[in-house]
Amino acid sequence: GKLNRGLAVVESYKLLKAGSEPSEEEEFLACILGWGIEWLQAYFLIL
């Protein structure tokens, strides 16, 4: 898929940081959250 939901999570988190760069851990966790959304979407689509 386009993976736009998961990518939007990471980009939104960066915007919410309001100018300060997220730490490596924060960006990693945002990616984990984004993948969670992509997995949730895949589950919905299968069913």
All heavy atoms as atom14 arrays in JSON, in Angstrom:
{
  "sequence": "GKLNRGLAVVESYKLLKAGSEPSEEEEFLACILGWGIEWLQAYFLIL",
  "atom14_mask": [
    [1, 1, 1, 1, 0, 0, 0, 0, 0, 0, 0, 0, 0, 0],
    [1, 1, 1, 1, 1, 1, 1, 1, 1, 0, 0, 0, 0, 0],
    [1, 1, 1, 1, 1, 1, 1, 1, 0, 0, 0, 0, 0, 0],
    [1, 1, 1, 1, 1, 1, 1, 1, 0, 0, 0, 0, 0, 0],
    [1, 1, 1, 1, 1, 1, 1, 1, 1, 1, 1, 0, 0, 0],
    [1, 1, 1, 1, 0, 0, 0, 0, 0, 0, 0, 0, 0, 0],
    [1, 1, 1, 1, 1, 1, 1, 1, 0, 0, 0, 0, 0, 0],
    [1, 1, 1, 1, 1, 0, 0, 0, 0, 0, 0, 0, 0, 0],
    [1, 1, 1, 1, 1, 1, 1, 0, 0, 0, 0, 0, 0, 0],
    [1, 1, 1, 1, 1, 1, 1, 0, 0, 0, 0, 0, 0, 0],
    [1, 1, 1, 1, 1, 1, 1, 1, 1, 0, 0, 0, 0, 0],
    [1, 1, 1, 1, 1, 1, 0, 0, 0, 0, 0, 0, 0, 0],
    [1, 1, 1, 1, 1, 1, 1, 1, 1, 1, 1, 1, 0, 0],
    [1, 1, 1, 1, 1, 1, 1, 1, 1, 0, 0, 0, 0, 0],
    [1, 1, 1, 1, 1, 1, 1, 1, 0, 0, 0, 0, 0, 0],
    [1, 1, 1, 1, 1, 1, 1, 1, 0, 0, 0, 0, 0, 0],
    [1, 1, 1, 1, 1, 1, 1, 1, 1, 0, 0, 0, 0, 0],
    [1, 1, 1, 1, 1, 0, 0, 0, 0, 0, 0, 0, 0, 0],
    [1, 1, 1, 1, 0, 0, 0, 0, 0, 0, 0, 0, 0, 0],
    [1, 1, 1, 1, 1, 1, 0, 0, 0, 0, 0, 0, 0, 0],
    [1, 1, 1, 1, 1, 1, 1, 1, 1, 0, 0, 0, 0, 0],
    [1, 1, 1, 1, 1, 1, 1, 0, 0, 0, 0, 0, 0, 0],
    [1, 1, 1, 1, 1, 1, 0, 0, 0, 0, 0, 0, 0, 0],
    [1, 1, 1, 1, 1, 1, 1, 1, 1, 0, 0, 0, 0, 0],
    [1, 1, 1, 1, 1, 1, 1, 1, 1, 0, 0, 0, 0, 0],
    [1, 1, 1, 1, 1, 1, 1, 1, 1, 0, 0, 0, 0, 0],
    [1, 1, 1, 1, 1, 1, 1, 1, 1, 0, 0, 0, 0, 0],
    [1, 1, 1, 1, 1, 1, 1, 1, 1, 1, 1, 0, 0, 0],
    [1, 1, 1, 1, 1, 1, 1, 1, 0, 0, 0, 0, 0, 0],
    [1, 1, 1, 1, 1, 0, 0, 0, 0, 0, 0, 0, 0, 0],
    [1, 1, 1, 1, 1, 1, 0, 0, 0, 0, 0, 0, 0, 0],
    [1, 1, 1, 1, 1, 1, 1, 1, 0, 0, 0, 0, 0, 0],
    [1, 1, 1, 1, 1, 1, 1, 1, 0, 0, 0, 0, 0, 0],
    [1, 1, 1, 1, 0, 0, 0, 0, 0, 0, 0, 0, 0, 0],
    [1, 1, 1, 1, 1, 1, 1, 1, 1, 1, 1, 1, 1, 1],
    [1, 1, 1, 1, 0, 0, 0, 0, 0, 0, 0, 0, 0, 0],
    [1, 1, 1, 1, 1, 1, 1, 1, 0, 0, 0, 0, 0, 0],
    [1, 1, 1, 1, 1, 1, 1, 1, 1, 0, 0, 0, 0, 0],
    [1, 1, 1, 1, 1, 1, 1, 1, 1, 1, 1, 1, 1, 1],
    [1, 1, 1, 1, 1, 1, 1, 1, 0, 0, 0, 0, 0, 0],
    [1, 1, 1, 1, 1, 1, 1, 1, 1, 0, 0, 0, 0, 0],
    [1, 1, 1, 1, 1, 0, 0, 0, 0, 0, 0, 0, 0, 0],
    [1, 1, 1, 1, 1, 1, 1, 1, 1, 1, 1, 1, 0, 0],
    [1, 1, 1, 1, 1, 1, 1, 1, 1, 1, 1, 0, 0, 0],
    [1, 1, 1, 1, 1, 1, 1, 1, 0, 0, 0, 0, 0, 0],
    [1, 1, 1, 1, 1, 1, 1, 1, 0, 0, 0, 0, 0, 0],
    [1, 1, 1, 1, 1, 1, 1, 1, 0, 0, 0, 0, 0, 0]
  ],
  "atom14_positions": [
    [[0.84, -1.19, 0.0], [0.0, 0.0, 0.0], [0.88, 1.24, 0.0], [2.11, 1.16, -0.08], [0.0, 0.0, 0.0], [0.0, 0.0, 0.0], [0.0, 0.0, 0.0], [0.0, 0.0, 0.0], [0.0, 0.0, 0.0], [0.0, 0.0, 0.0], [0.0, 0.0, 0.0], [0.0, 0.0, 0.0], [0.0, 0.0, 0.0], [0.0, 0.0, 0.0]],
    [[0.25, 2.38, 0.11], [1.0, 3.64, 0.12], [1.69, 3.88, 1.46], [2.58, 4.71, 1.55], [0.06, 4.8, -0.19], [-0.53, 4.73, -1.61], [-1.53, 5.84, -1.83], [-2.73, 5.61, -1.0], [-4.0, 5.41, -1.56], [0.0, 0.0, 0.0], [0.0, 0.0, 0.0], [0.0, 0.0, 0.0], [0.0, 0.0, 0.0], [0.0, 0.0, 0.0]],
    [[1.25, 3.19, 2.5], [1.78, 3.34, 3.85], [1.61, 4.76, 4.38], [2.32, 5.18, 5.29], [3.26, 2.91, 3.92], [3.58, 1.5, 3.42], [5.07, 1.24, 3.47], [2.83, 0.45, 4.21], [0.0, 0.0, 0.0], [0.0, 0.0, 0.0], [0.0, 0.0, 0.0], [0.0, 0.0, 0.0], [0.0, 0.0, 0.0], [0.0, 0.0, 0.0]],
    [[0.65, 5.5, 3.8], [0.5, 6.9, 4.19], [0.04, 7.09, 5.63], [0.38, 8.09, 6.25], [-0.42, 7.64, 3.22], [-1.81, 7.06, 3.12], [-2.09, 5.99, 3.67], [-2.68, 7.74, 2.4], [0.0, 0.0, 0.0], [0.0, 0.0, 0.0], [0.0, 0.0, 0.0], [0.0, 0.0, 0.0], [0.0, 0.0, 0.0], [0.0, 0.0, 0.0]],
    [[-0.68, 6.14, 6.19], [-1.11, 6.27, 7.59], [0.09, 6.23, 8.52], [0.23, 7.05, 9.42], [-2.11, 5.18, 7.93], [-3.44, 5.35, 7.26], [-4.3, 4.07, 7.38], [-5.51, 4.18, 6.6], [-5.57, 3.95, 5.29], [-4.49, 3.59, 4.62], [-6.7, 4.1, 4.64], [0.0, 0.0, 0.0], [0.0, 0.0, 0.0], [0.0, 0.0, 0.0]],
    [[0.92, 5.23, 8.33], [2.1, 5.09, 9.18], [3.08, 6.23, 9.01], [3.63, 6.75, 9.99], [0.0, 0.0, 0.0], [0.0, 0.0, 0.0], [0.0, 0.0, 0.0], [0.0, 0.0, 0.0], [0.0, 0.0, 0.0], [0.0, 0.0, 0.0], [0.0, 0.0, 0.0], [0.0, 0.0, 0.0], [0.0, 0.0, 0.0], [0.0, 0.0, 0.0]],
    [[3.29, 6.64, 7.77], [4.2, 7.76, 7.52], [3.64, 9.06, 8.11], [4.41, 9.89, 8.61], [4.44, 7.92, 6.02], [5.23, 6.77, 5.37], [5.21, 6.9, 3.85], [6.66, 6.73, 5.88], [0.0, 0.0, 0.0], [0.0, 0.0, 0.0], [0.0, 0.0, 0.0], [0.0, 0.0, 0.0], [0.0, 0.0, 0.0], [0.0, 0.0, 0.0]],
    [[2.33, 9.21, 8.08], [1.71, 10.41, 8.65], [1.94, 10.48, 10.16], [2.08, 11.58, 10.71], [0.21, 10.43, 8.34], [0.0, 0.0, 0.0], [0.0, 0.0, 0.0], [0.0, 0.0, 0.0], [0.0, 0.0, 0.0], [0.0, 0.0, 0.0], [0.0, 0.0, 0.0], [0.0, 0.0, 0.0], [0.0, 0.0, 0.0], [0.0, 0.0, 0.0]],
    [[2.01, 9.35, 10.82], [2.28, 9.34, 12.26], [3.66, 9.93, 12.54], [3.82, 10.81, 13.39], [2.19, 7.91, 12.84], [2.72, 7.86, 14.27], [0.77, 7.4, 12.79], [0.0, 0.0, 0.0], [0.0, 0.0, 0.0], [0.0, 0.0, 0.0], [0.0, 0.0, 0.0], [0.0, 0.0, 0.0], [0.0, 0.0, 0.0], [0.0, 0.0, 0.0]],
    [[4.64, 9.46, 11.8], [6.01, 9.94, 12.02], [6.11, 11.42, 11.71], [6.67, 12.2, 12.49], [7.02, 9.13, 11.17], [8.42, 9.66, 11.33], [6.95, 7.65, 11.54], [0.0, 0.0, 0.0], [0.0, 0.0, 0.0], [0.0, 0.0, 0.0], [0.0, 0.0, 0.0], [0.0, 0.0, 0.0], [0.0, 0.0, 0.0], [0.0, 0.0, 0.0]],
    [[5.56, 11.83, 10.58], [5.62, 13.25, 10.2], [4.84, 14.13, 11.17], [5.27, 15.23, 11.51], [5.13, 13.44, 8.76], [6.05, 12.82, 7.72], [7.5, 13.27, 7.84], [7.75, 14.49, 7.96], [8.39, 12.38, 7.84], [0.0, 0.0, 0.0], [0.0, 0.0, 0.0], [0.0, 0.0, 0.0], [0.0, 0.0, 0.0], [0.0, 0.0, 0.0]],
    [[3.69, 13.64, 11.63], [2.9, 14.4, 12.6], [3.65, 14.57, 13.9], [3.63, 15.64, 14.52], [1.56, 13.71, 12.86], [0.78, 13.68, 11.69], [0.0, 0.0, 0.0], [0.0, 0.0, 0.0], [0.0, 0.0, 0.0], [0.0, 0.0, 0.0], [0.0, 0.0, 0.0], [0.0, 0.0, 0.0], [0.0, 0.0, 0.0], [0.0, 0.0, 0.0]],
    [[4.32, 13.51, 14.32], [5.1, 13.6, 15.57], [6.19, 14.66, 15.43], [6.39, 15.47, 16.33], [5.71, 12.25, 15.94], [6.44, 12.34, 17.26], [5.73, 12.38, 18.45], [7.83, 12.43, 17.31], [6.38, 12.51, 19.67], [8.49, 12.55, 18.51], [7.76, 12.6, 19.69], [8.41, 12.74, 20.89], [0.0, 0.0, 0.0], [0.0, 0.0, 0.0]],
    [[6.85, 14.67, 14.3], [7.91, 15.67, 14.07], [7.33, 17.09, 14.13], [7.94, 17.98, 14.71], [8.59, 15.43, 12.73], [9.46, 14.2, 12.72], [10.06, 13.98, 11.33], [10.9, 12.72, 11.27], [11.42, 12.48, 9.89], [0.0, 0.0, 0.0], [0.0, 0.0, 0.0], [0.0, 0.0, 0.0], [0.0, 0.0, 0.0], [0.0, 0.0, 0.0]],
    [[6.15, 17.27, 13.54], [5.51, 18.59, 13.58], [5.1, 18.97, 15.0], [5.21, 20.13, 15.4], [4.28, 18.6, 12.66], [4.56, 18.58, 11.16], [3.27, 18.39, 10.38], [5.27, 19.85, 10.72], [0.0, 0.0, 0.0], [0.0, 0.0, 0.0], [0.0, 0.0, 0.0], [0.0, 0.0, 0.0], [0.0, 0.0, 0.0], [0.0, 0.0, 0.0]],
    [[4.63, 17.99, 15.75], [4.21, 18.27, 17.13], [5.38, 18.6, 18.04], [5.19, 19.23, 19.09], [3.42, 17.08, 17.69], [2.04, 16.89, 17.08], [1.44, 15.56, 17.53], [1.11, 18.04, 17.43], [0.0, 0.0, 0.0], [0.0, 0.0, 0.0], [0.0, 0.0, 0.0], [0.0, 0.0, 0.0], [0.0, 0.0, 0.0], [0.0, 0.0, 0.0]],
    [[6.56, 18.21, 17.65], [7.75, 18.55, 18.44], [8.06, 20.04, 18.34], [8.94, 20.54, 19.04], [8.96, 17.74, 17.97], [8.95, 16.27, 18.37], [9.11, 16.07, 19.85], [10.55, 16.35, 20.25], [10.83, 16.06, 21.64], [0.0, 0.0, 0.0], [0.0, 0.0, 0.0], [0.0, 0.0, 0.0], [0.0, 0.0, 0.0], [0.0, 0.0, 0.0]],
    [[7.36, 20.75, 17.48], [7.42, 22.21, 17.36], [8.84, 22.74, 17.23], [9.3, 23.55, 18.03], [6.7, 22.86, 18.53], [0.0, 0.0, 0.0], [0.0, 0.0, 0.0], [0.0, 0.0, 0.0], [0.0, 0.0, 0.0], [0.0, 0.0, 0.0], [0.0, 0.0, 0.0], [0.0, 0.0, 0.0], [0.0, 0.0, 0.0], [0.0, 0.0, 0.0]],
    [[9.52, 22.27, 16.23], [10.83, 22.85, 15.93], [12.02, 22.09, 16.49], [13.11, 22.22, 15.97], [0.0, 0.0, 0.0], [0.0, 0.0, 0.0], [0.0, 0.0, 0.0], [0.0, 0.0, 0.0], [0.0, 0.0, 0.0], [0.0, 0.0, 0.0], [0.0, 0.0, 0.0], [0.0, 0.0, 0.0], [0.0, 0.0, 0.0], [0.0, 0.0, 0.0]],
    [[11.84, 21.33, 17.56], [12.98, 20.56, 18.09], [12.98, 19.18, 17.45], [11.93, 18.59, 17.23], [12.91, 20.45, 19.61], [11.77, 19.72, 20.0], [0.0, 0.0, 0.0], [0.0, 0.0, 0.0], [0.0, 0.0, 0.0], [0.0, 0.0, 0.0], [0.0, 0.0, 0.0], [0.0, 0.0, 0.0], [0.0, 0.0, 0.0], [0.0, 0.0, 0.0]],
    [[14.14, 18.72, 17.11], [14.27, 17.41, 16.48], [13.94, 16.3, 17.49], [14.41, 16.34, 18.63], [15.7, 17.19, 15.98], [16.01, 17.92, 14.69], [15.23, 17.36, 13.51], [15.22, 16.12, 13.32], [14.63, 18.16, 12.79], [0.0, 0.0, 0.0], [0.0, 0.0, 0.0], [0.0, 0.0, 0.0], [0.0, 0.0, 0.0], [0.0, 0.0, 0.0]],
    [[13.16, 15.31, 17.07], [12.91, 14.18, 17.97], [14.2, 13.39, 18.16], [15.05, 13.34, 17.27], [11.86, 13.35, 17.23], [11.87, 13.8, 15.82], [12.46, 15.18, 15.79], [0.0, 0.0, 0.0], [0.0, 0.0, 0.0], [0.0, 0.0, 0.0], [0.0, 0.0, 0.0], [0.0, 0.0, 0.0], [0.0, 0.0, 0.0], [0.0, 0.0, 0.0]],
    [[14.33, 12.82, 19.33], [15.48, 11.96, 19.58], [15.38, 10.71, 18.71], [14.32, 10.42, 18.16], [15.55, 11.57, 21.06], [14.49, 10.67, 21.37], [0.0, 0.0, 0.0], [0.0, 0.0, 0.0], [0.0, 0.0, 0.0], [0.0, 0.0, 0.0], [0.0, 0.0, 0.0], [0.0, 0.0, 0.0], [0.0, 0.0, 0.0], [0.0, 0.0, 0.0]],
    [[16.46, 9.98, 18.63], [16.45, 8.74, 17.86], [15.4, 7.77, 18.41], [14.68, 7.13, 17.66], [17.84, 8.11, 17.88], [18.02, 6.96, 16.93], [19.45, 6.47, 16.87], [20.37, 7.29, 16.68], [19.64, 5.24, 17.02], [0.0, 0.0, 0.0], [0.0, 0.0, 0.0], [0.0, 0.0, 0.0], [0.0, 0.0, 0.0], [0.0, 0.0, 0.0]],
    [[15.32, 7.69, 19.75], [14.32, 6.8, 20.37], [12.9, 7.27, 20.06], [12.03, 6.46, 19.74], [14.51, 6.71, 21.88], [13.47, 5.81, 22.52], [13.45, 5.82, 24.04], [14.08, 6.69, 24.66], [12.77, 4.93, 24.6], [0.0, 0.0, 0.0], [0.0, 0.0, 0.0], [0.0, 0.0, 0.0], [0.0, 0.0, 0.0], [0.0, 0.0, 0.0]],
    [[12.66, 8.57, 20.15], [11.32, 9.09, 19.87], [10.91, 8.81, 18.42], [9.77, 8.4, 18.16], [11.26, 10.6, 20.13], [11.34, 10.97, 21.59], [11.49, 12.47, 21.79], [12.1, 13.15, 20.96], [10.97, 12.95, 22.82], [0.0, 0.0, 0.0], [0.0, 0.0, 0.0], [0.0, 0.0, 0.0], [0.0, 0.0, 0.0], [0.0, 0.0, 0.0]],
    [[11.82, 9.01, 17.51], [11.51, 8.74, 16.11], [11.27, 7.25, 15.88], [10.37, 6.86, 15.14], [12.62, 9.26, 15.19], [12.2, 9.27, 13.75], [13.08, 10.14, 12.87], [13.89, 10.93, 13.38], [12.94, 10.01, 11.65], [0.0, 0.0, 0.0], [0.0, 0.0, 0.0], [0.0, 0.0, 0.0], [0.0, 0.0, 0.0], [0.0, 0.0, 0.0]],
    [[12.07, 6.41, 16.54], [11.88, 4.97, 16.44], [10.51, 4.56, 16.95], [9.79, 3.79, 16.31], [12.99, 4.24, 17.21], [12.83, 2.74, 17.23], [13.17, 1.99, 16.12], [12.35, 2.1, 18.36], [13.01, 0.6, 16.13], [12.19, 0.72, 18.39], [12.53, -0.02, 17.27], [0.0, 0.0, 0.0], [0.0, 0.0, 0.0], [0.0, 0.0, 0.0]],
    [[10.11, 5.11, 18.11], [8.8, 4.78, 18.68], [7.66, 5.3, 17.81], [6.63, 4.64, 17.68], [8.69, 5.31, 20.11], [9.6, 4.62, 21.14], [9.48, 5.31, 22.5], [9.3, 3.14, 21.24], [0.0, 0.0, 0.0], [0.0, 0.0, 0.0], [0.0, 0.0, 0.0], [0.0, 0.0, 0.0], [0.0, 0.0, 0.0], [0.0, 0.0, 0.0]],
    [[7.85, 6.45, 17.18], [6.84, 6.95, 16.24], [6.71, 5.99, 15.06], [5.6, 5.75, 14.56], [7.2, 8.36, 15.78], [0.0, 0.0, 0.0], [0.0, 0.0, 0.0], [0.0, 0.0, 0.0], [0.0, 0.0, 0.0], [0.0, 0.0, 0.0], [0.0, 0.0, 0.0], [0.0, 0.0, 0.0], [0.0, 0.0, 0.0], [0.0, 0.0, 0.0]],
    [[7.82, 5.43, 14.62], [7.78, 4.44, 13.53], [7.05, 3.18, 13.98], [6.25, 2.62, 13.21], [9.2, 4.1, 13.07], [10.01, 5.41, 12.14], [0.0, 0.0, 0.0], [0.0, 0.0, 0.0], [0.0, 0.0, 0.0], [0.0, 0.0, 0.0], [0.0, 0.0, 0.0], [0.0, 0.0, 0.0], [0.0, 0.0, 0.0], [0.0, 0.0, 0.0]],
    [[7.31, 2.73, 15.19], [6.6, 1.56, 15.72], [5.1, 1.83, 15.74], [4.29, 0.99, 15.31], [7.09, 1.19, 17.14], [8.57, 0.77, 17.12], [6.22, 0.12, 17.78], [8.84, -0.52, 16.4], [0.0, 0.0, 0.0], [0.0, 0.0, 0.0], [0.0, 0.0, 0.0], [0.0, 0.0, 0.0], [0.0, 0.0, 0.0], [0.0, 0.0, 0.0]],
    [[4.72, 3.0, 16.21], [3.3, 3.37, 16.25], [2.73, 3.41, 14.84], [1.62, 2.92, 14.59], [3.14, 4.72, 16.95], [1.73, 5.24, 17.11], [0.85, 4.26, 17.88], [1.76, 6.59, 17.82], [0.0, 0.0, 0.0], [0.0, 0.0, 0.0], [0.0, 0.0, 0.0], [0.0, 0.0, 0.0], [0.0, 0.0, 0.0], [0.0, 0.0, 0.0]],
    [[3.47, 3.97, 13.9], [3.01, 4.02, 12.51], [2.81, 2.64, 11.93], [1.82, 2.38, 11.24], [0.0, 0.0, 0.0], [0.0, 0.0, 0.0], [0.0, 0.0, 0.0], [0.0, 0.0, 0.0], [0.0, 0.0, 0.0], [0.0, 0.0, 0.0], [0.0, 0.0, 0.0], [0.0, 0.0, 0.0], [0.0, 0.0, 0.0], [0.0, 0.0, 0.0]],
    [[3.73, 1.73, 12.23], [3.57, 0.35, 11.74], [2.35, -0.3, 12.39], [1.65, -1.08, 11.76], [4.82, -0.48, 11.97], [5.83, -0.27, 10.89], [7.04, 0.33, 11.01], [5.69, -0.63, 9.51], [7.67, 0.36, 9.77], [6.86, -0.23, 8.84], [4.69, -1.25, 8.77], [7.05, -0.43, 7.47], [4.88, -1.45, 7.4], [6.05, -1.04, 6.78]],
    [[2.09, 0.03, 13.66], [0.89, -0.49, 14.31], [-0.37, -0.09, 13.56], [-1.29, -0.9, 13.38], [0.0, 0.0, 0.0], [0.0, 0.0, 0.0], [0.0, 0.0, 0.0], [0.0, 0.0, 0.0], [0.0, 0.0, 0.0], [0.0, 0.0, 0.0], [0.0, 0.0, 0.0], [0.0, 0.0, 0.0], [0.0, 0.0, 0.0], [0.0, 0.0, 0.0]],
    [[-0.4, 1.14, 13.09], [-1.56, 1.62, 12.33], [-1.65, 0.89, 10.99], [-2.73, 0.5, 10.55], [-1.48, 3.15, 12.15], [-1.73, 3.8, 13.51], [-2.47, 3.63, 11.1], [-1.49, 5.28, 13.55], [0.0, 0.0, 0.0], [0.0, 0.0, 0.0], [0.0, 0.0, 0.0], [0.0, 0.0, 0.0], [0.0, 0.0, 0.0], [0.0, 0.0, 0.0]],
    [[-0.52, 0.66, 10.35], [-0.52, -0.07, 9.08], [-0.99, -1.52, 9.28], [-1.73, -2.05, 8.45], [0.86, -0.04, 8.43], [1.28, 1.33, 7.93], [0.41, 1.88, 6.8], [-0.23, 1.08, 6.07], [0.36, 3.1, 6.65], [0.0, 0.0, 0.0], [0.0, 0.0, 0.0], [0.0, 0.0, 0.0], [0.0, 0.0, 0.0], [0.0, 0.0, 0.0]],
    [[-0.58, -2.14, 10.36], [-1.02, -3.51, 10.65], [-2.52, -3.53, 10.93], [-3.23, -4.43, 10.5], [-0.24, -4.09, 11.83], [1.14, -4.53, 11.49], [2.05, -3.87, 10.72], [1.78, -5.73, 11.9], [3.22, -4.59, 10.65], [3.08, -5.73, 11.37], [1.38, -6.79, 12.69], [3.97, -6.77, 11.58], [2.27, -7.83, 12.92], [3.57, -7.81, 12.36]],
    [[-2.99, -2.53, 11.68], [-4.42, -2.44, 11.97], [-5.21, -2.29, 10.66], [-6.23, -2.95, 10.47], [-4.69, -1.26, 12.91], [-6.11, -1.14, 13.46], [-6.44, -2.3, 14.39], [-6.27, 0.19, 14.2], [0.0, 0.0, 0.0], [0.0, 0.0, 0.0], [0.0, 0.0, 0.0], [0.0, 0.0, 0.0], [0.0, 0.0, 0.0], [0.0, 0.0, 0.0]],
    [[-4.73, -1.44, 9.76], [-5.39, -1.26, 8.48], [-5.41, -2.57, 7.69], [-6.43, -2.93, 7.09], [-4.69, -0.16, 7.67], [-5.23, 0.05, 6.29], [-6.64, 0.64, 6.27], [-7.18, 1.04, 7.28], [-7.24, 0.68, 5.09], [0.0, 0.0, 0.0], [0.0, 0.0, 0.0], [0.0, 0.0, 0.0], [0.0, 0.0, 0.0], [0.0, 0.0, 0.0]],
    [[-4.31, -3.3, 7.68], [-4.24, -4.58, 6.96], [-5.25, -5.57, 7.54], [-5.93, -6.28, 6.79], [-2.83, -5.15, 7.01], [0.0, 0.0, 0.0], [0.0, 0.0, 0.0], [0.0, 0.0, 0.0], [0.0, 0.0, 0.0], [0.0, 0.0, 0.0], [0.0, 0.0, 0.0], [0.0, 0.0, 0.0], [0.0, 0.0, 0.0], [0.0, 0.0, 0.0]],
    [[-5.35, -5.62, 8.84], [-6.33, -6.49, 9.51], [-7.74, -6.15, 9.06], [-8.53, -7.03, 8.68], [-6.16, -6.34, 11.03], [-7.36, -6.5, 11.91], [-7.94, -7.74, 12.13], [-7.9, -5.39, 12.56], [-9.03, -7.88, 12.98], [-8.98, -5.51, 13.41], [-9.55, -6.76, 13.62], [-10.62, -6.88, 14.46], [0.0, 0.0, 0.0], [0.0, 0.0, 0.0]],
    [[-8.07, -4.84, 9.06], [-9.39, -4.42, 8.62], [-9.65, -4.83, 7.17], [-10.73, -5.3, 6.82], [-9.56, -2.91, 8.75], [-9.65, -2.39, 10.15], [-9.04, -1.19, 10.48], [-10.36, -3.07, 11.13], [-9.13, -0.68, 11.77], [-10.46, -2.57, 12.42], [-9.84, -1.37, 12.74], [0.0, 0.0, 0.0], [0.0, 0.0, 0.0], [0.0, 0.0, 0.0]],
    [[-8.66, -4.62, 6.32], [-8.86, -4.9, 4.89], [-9.03, -6.39, 4.61], [-9.86, -6.77, 3.77], [-7.69, -4.34, 4.07], [-7.57, -2.81, 4.07], [-6.35, -2.38, 3.27], [-8.84, -2.14, 3.57], [0.0, 0.0, 0.0], [0.0, 0.0, 0.0], [0.0, 0.0, 0.0], [0.0, 0.0, 0.0], [0.0, 0.0, 0.0], [0.0, 0.0, 0.0]],
    [[-8.27, -7.22, 5.3], [-8.41, -8.67, 5.1], [-9.84, -9.11, 5.4], [-10.47, -9.81, 4.61], [-7.41, -9.45, 5.99], [-5.99, -9.27, 5.48], [-7.78, -10.94, 6.04], [-4.93, -9.79, 6.46], [0.0, 0.0, 0.0], [0.0, 0.0, 0.0], [0.0, 0.0, 0.0], [0.0, 0.0, 0.0], [0.0, 0.0, 0.0], [0.0, 0.0, 0.0]],
    [[-10.35, -8.67, 6.55], [-11.7, -9.09, 6.94], [-12.76, -8.41, 6.09], [-13.76, -9.04, 5.71], [-11.92, -8.82, 8.42], [-10.98, -9.58, 9.37], [-11.3, -9.27, 10.82], [-11.02, -11.06, 9.13], [0.0, 0.0, 0.0], [0.0, 0.0, 0.0], [0.0, 0.0, 0.0], [0.0, 0.0, 0.0], [0.0, 0.0, 0.0], [0.0, 0.0, 0.0]]
  ]
}
